[in-house]
Protein backbone atom coordinates (compact mmCIF):
# COMPACT_ATOMS: atom_id res chain seq x y z
CA MET A 1 -8.73 -0.99 0.19
CA HIS A 2 -5.56 -0.91 -1.32
CA LEU A 3 -3.40 -4.03 -1.85
CA GLU A 4 0.53 -3.69 -2.62
CA MET A 5 2.13 -7.11 -3.42
CA ARG A 6 5.42 -6.00 -5.13
CA ASP A 7 9.10 -5.92 -3.55
CA SER A 8 10.09 -2.67 -5.23
CA TYR A 9 8.28 -0.07 -7.02
CA MET A 10 9.79 2.96 -8.71
CA ARG A 11 13.58 2.40 -7.99
CA ASP A 12 14.23 5.99 -9.60
CA ASP A 13 11.77 7.45 -7.23
CA PRO A 14 13.60 10.70 -6.00
CA GLU A 15 11.99 10.56 -2.35
CA PHE A 16 13.30 6.85 -2.37
CA ILE A 17 16.88 7.84 -3.66
CA ARG A 18 16.83 10.33 -1.09
CA TRP A 19 15.77 7.76 1.45
CA ARG A 20 18.88 5.47 0.55
CA GLU A 21 21.11 8.50 1.23
CA GLY A 22 20.08 8.96 4.51
CA HIS A 23 17.42 11.21 4.69
CA ARG A 24 14.51 10.63 7.23
CA TYR A 25 11.13 12.03 7.80
CA ASP A 26 11.01 13.84 11.10
CA PRO A 27 7.36 12.98 12.48
CA ALA A 28 7.66 16.25 14.60
CA ASP A 29 8.06 18.39 11.48
CA ARG A 30 4.80 17.85 9.65
CA GLU A 31 5.34 20.44 7.11
CA SER A 32 8.51 18.66 5.63
CA TRP A 33 6.58 15.50 4.81
CA TRP A 34 3.00 16.15 4.36
CA ARG A 35 2.15 16.17 0.35
CA SER A 36 -1.26 16.40 -1.66
CA TRP A 37 -2.28 12.67 -1.20
CA LEU A 38 -2.35 12.90 2.46
CA ASP A 39 -4.53 16.17 1.88
CA VAL A 40 -6.99 13.32 0.03
CA VAL A 41 -6.59 10.81 2.60
CA ALA A 42 -7.45 13.33 5.52
CA GLU A 43 -10.27 14.59 3.52
CA THR A 44 -11.49 11.15 2.99
CA THR A 45 -11.32 9.68 6.10
CA GLY A 46 -12.79 12.78 8.06
CA ARG A 47 -15.86 12.22 5.97
CA GLY A 48 -15.97 8.70 7.79
CA VAL A 49 -14.52 6.70 4.70
CA VAL A 50 -12.08 3.78 5.90
CA MET A 51 -9.15 4.06 3.80
CA ARG A 52 -7.14 0.53 4.59
CA ARG A 53 -3.84 -0.32 2.71
CA LEU A 54 -2.37 -4.16 3.01
CA ARG A 55 1.53 -4.40 1.99
CA VAL A 56 1.97 -8.10 1.49
CA VAL A 57 5.80 -8.38 1.94
CA SER A 58 8.76 -10.51 1.76
CA GLU A 59 11.16 -10.85 4.77
CA PRO A 60 13.26 -9.45 5.11
CA LEU A 61 12.22 -6.55 3.61
CA SER A 62 13.39 -4.97 0.42
CA ASP A 63 15.03 -1.28 0.60
CA TYR A 64 12.22 -0.07 -1.32
CA VAL A 65 9.89 -1.60 0.98
CA ARG A 66 11.88 -0.66 4.14
CA TYR A 67 11.90 2.85 2.48
CA GLU A 68 7.90 2.43 2.86
CA TYR A 69 8.13 1.28 6.19
CA ASP A 70 9.86 4.34 7.32
CA GLY A 71 7.52 6.81 5.95
CA THR A 72 4.34 4.95 6.49
CA PHE A 73 3.75 7.00 9.65
CA THR A 74 2.54 9.88 7.44
CA ASN A 75 -0.31 7.50 6.01
CA VAL A 76 -1.16 6.73 9.38
CA ALA A 77 -1.28 10.10 10.57
CA ALA A 78 -3.49 11.06 7.59
CA GLY A 79 -6.08 8.49 8.63
CA GLU A 80 -4.79 5.67 6.45
CA ASP A 81 -5.30 2.10 8.47
CA VAL A 82 -2.12 0.26 7.18
CA ARG A 83 -1.30 -3.26 7.83
CA TRP A 84 1.62 -5.64 6.80
CA LEU A 85 1.31 -9.13 5.81
CA PRO A 86 4.60 -11.50 5.54
CA ARG A 87 4.40 -13.99 2.77
CA SER A 88 5.13 -16.35 5.24
CA ARG A 89 1.68 -15.89 7.01
CA ALA A 90 -0.10 -15.85 3.29
CA ARG A 91 0.62 -19.17 2.07
CA ASP A 92 -2.61 -21.02 2.18
CA LEU A 93 -4.29 -17.56 0.43
CA LEU A 94 -5.04 -16.75 -2.71
CA LEU A 95 -4.33 -13.19 -3.52
CA PRO A 96 -4.55 -11.60 -6.99
CA THR A 97 -1.45 -11.18 -8.92
CA LEU A 98 -1.67 -7.27 -9.47
CA ASP A 99 -1.75 -4.27 -6.96
CA GLY A 100 -4.89 -2.11 -6.84
CA TRP A 101 -7.75 -0.54 -4.96
CA VAL A 102 -11.35 -1.67 -4.32
CA MET A 103 -13.11 1.51 -4.47
CA ASP A 104 -16.64 0.30 -3.92
CA GLU A 105 -18.89 -2.53 -4.36
CA GLU A 106 -18.32 -2.45 -8.32
CA THR A 107 -15.18 -0.40 -8.88
CA VAL A 108 -11.78 -1.96 -8.89
CA ILE A 109 -8.37 -0.18 -10.28
CA LEU A 110 -5.71 -2.08 -10.87
CA HIS A 111 -1.91 -1.30 -11.27
CA HIS A 112 0.54 -2.55 -13.73
CA PHE A 113 4.12 -2.41 -13.30
CA SER A 114 7.28 -4.31 -14.89
CA GLY A 115 9.55 -6.66 -13.09
CA GLU A 116 11.48 -3.96 -12.36
CA GLY A 117 8.68 -2.02 -10.66
CA GLN A 118 7.95 0.70 -12.90
CA TRP A 119 4.34 1.66 -14.61
CA THR A 120 3.56 -0.27 -17.82
CA GLY A 121 0.71 0.31 -19.98
CA PRO A 122 -2.27 0.31 -19.52
CA ARG A 123 -0.75 1.90 -16.21
CA MET A 124 -4.00 1.65 -14.50
CA GLU A 125 -7.08 -0.57 -15.35
CA VAL A 126 -10.54 0.74 -14.14
CA HIS A 127 -13.41 -1.91 -13.89
CA HIS A 128 -17.24 -1.30 -12.92
CA ASP A 129 -17.50 -5.32 -12.21
CA PRO A 130 -19.55 -6.19 -9.18
CA ALA A 131 -18.33 -9.62 -9.70
CA LEU A 132 -14.43 -8.67 -9.88
CA ALA A 133 -15.37 -6.10 -7.04
CA ALA A 134 -16.83 -8.74 -4.60
CA GLN A 135 -13.64 -11.22 -5.89
CA TYR A 136 -11.14 -8.75 -4.85
CA VAL A 137 -12.90 -7.92 -1.51
CA ARG A 138 -12.89 -11.62 -0.64
CA ALA A 139 -9.25 -12.11 -1.25
CA TYR A 140 -8.31 -8.61 0.77
CA GLU A 141 -10.49 -9.07 3.44
CA ALA A 142 -8.70 -12.74 4.11
CA ALA A 143 -5.50 -11.24 4.18
CA TRP A 144 -6.53 -8.51 6.01
CA GLU A 145 -7.36 -10.64 8.96
CA ARG A 146 -4.23 -12.31 9.06
CA ALA A 147 -2.26 -9.00 8.45
CA ILE A 148 -0.20 -7.18 11.25
CA PRO A 149 -1.37 -3.42 11.99
CA HIS A 150 1.54 -1.21 11.50
CA ALA A 151 2.03 -0.22 14.94
CA GLU A 152 2.69 -3.50 15.56
CA TYR A 153 4.64 -4.77 12.90
CA ARG A 154 8.31 -5.18 13.18
CA PRO A 155 10.10 -5.98 10.04
CA SER A 156 12.75 -8.91 10.30
């Protein structure tokens, strides 16, 4: 499971800049939006592995999160299960402060970003710690239960 907590990432991302200039992916033109990450998702989910992405968001959405929302159909098409959790629905949950992935019962990958959403050192931190993984799973599962599936989420 992947948890995203920030309202802005990588504002210098060329794809985000193109989106701000009006470019939108055409769902009917798969060749124009398919990328290597989606190959990984499709191959992984094709083996029966469930990949879940949870985005905890402020509303109204920031430009960056709206850009993510507009392109999330690509993740879903590849096999990811994506949900959205407005912060107002998470007020009594205890959530991790860092974005990251829970890979299995012992592996957690944590991401480090600056206040501007740029990678900072150490960028990614890999932990092989069953207790930490269990702690993250409990937090993620509580948030996942409250989150809104992508197909149903309508940002304000």
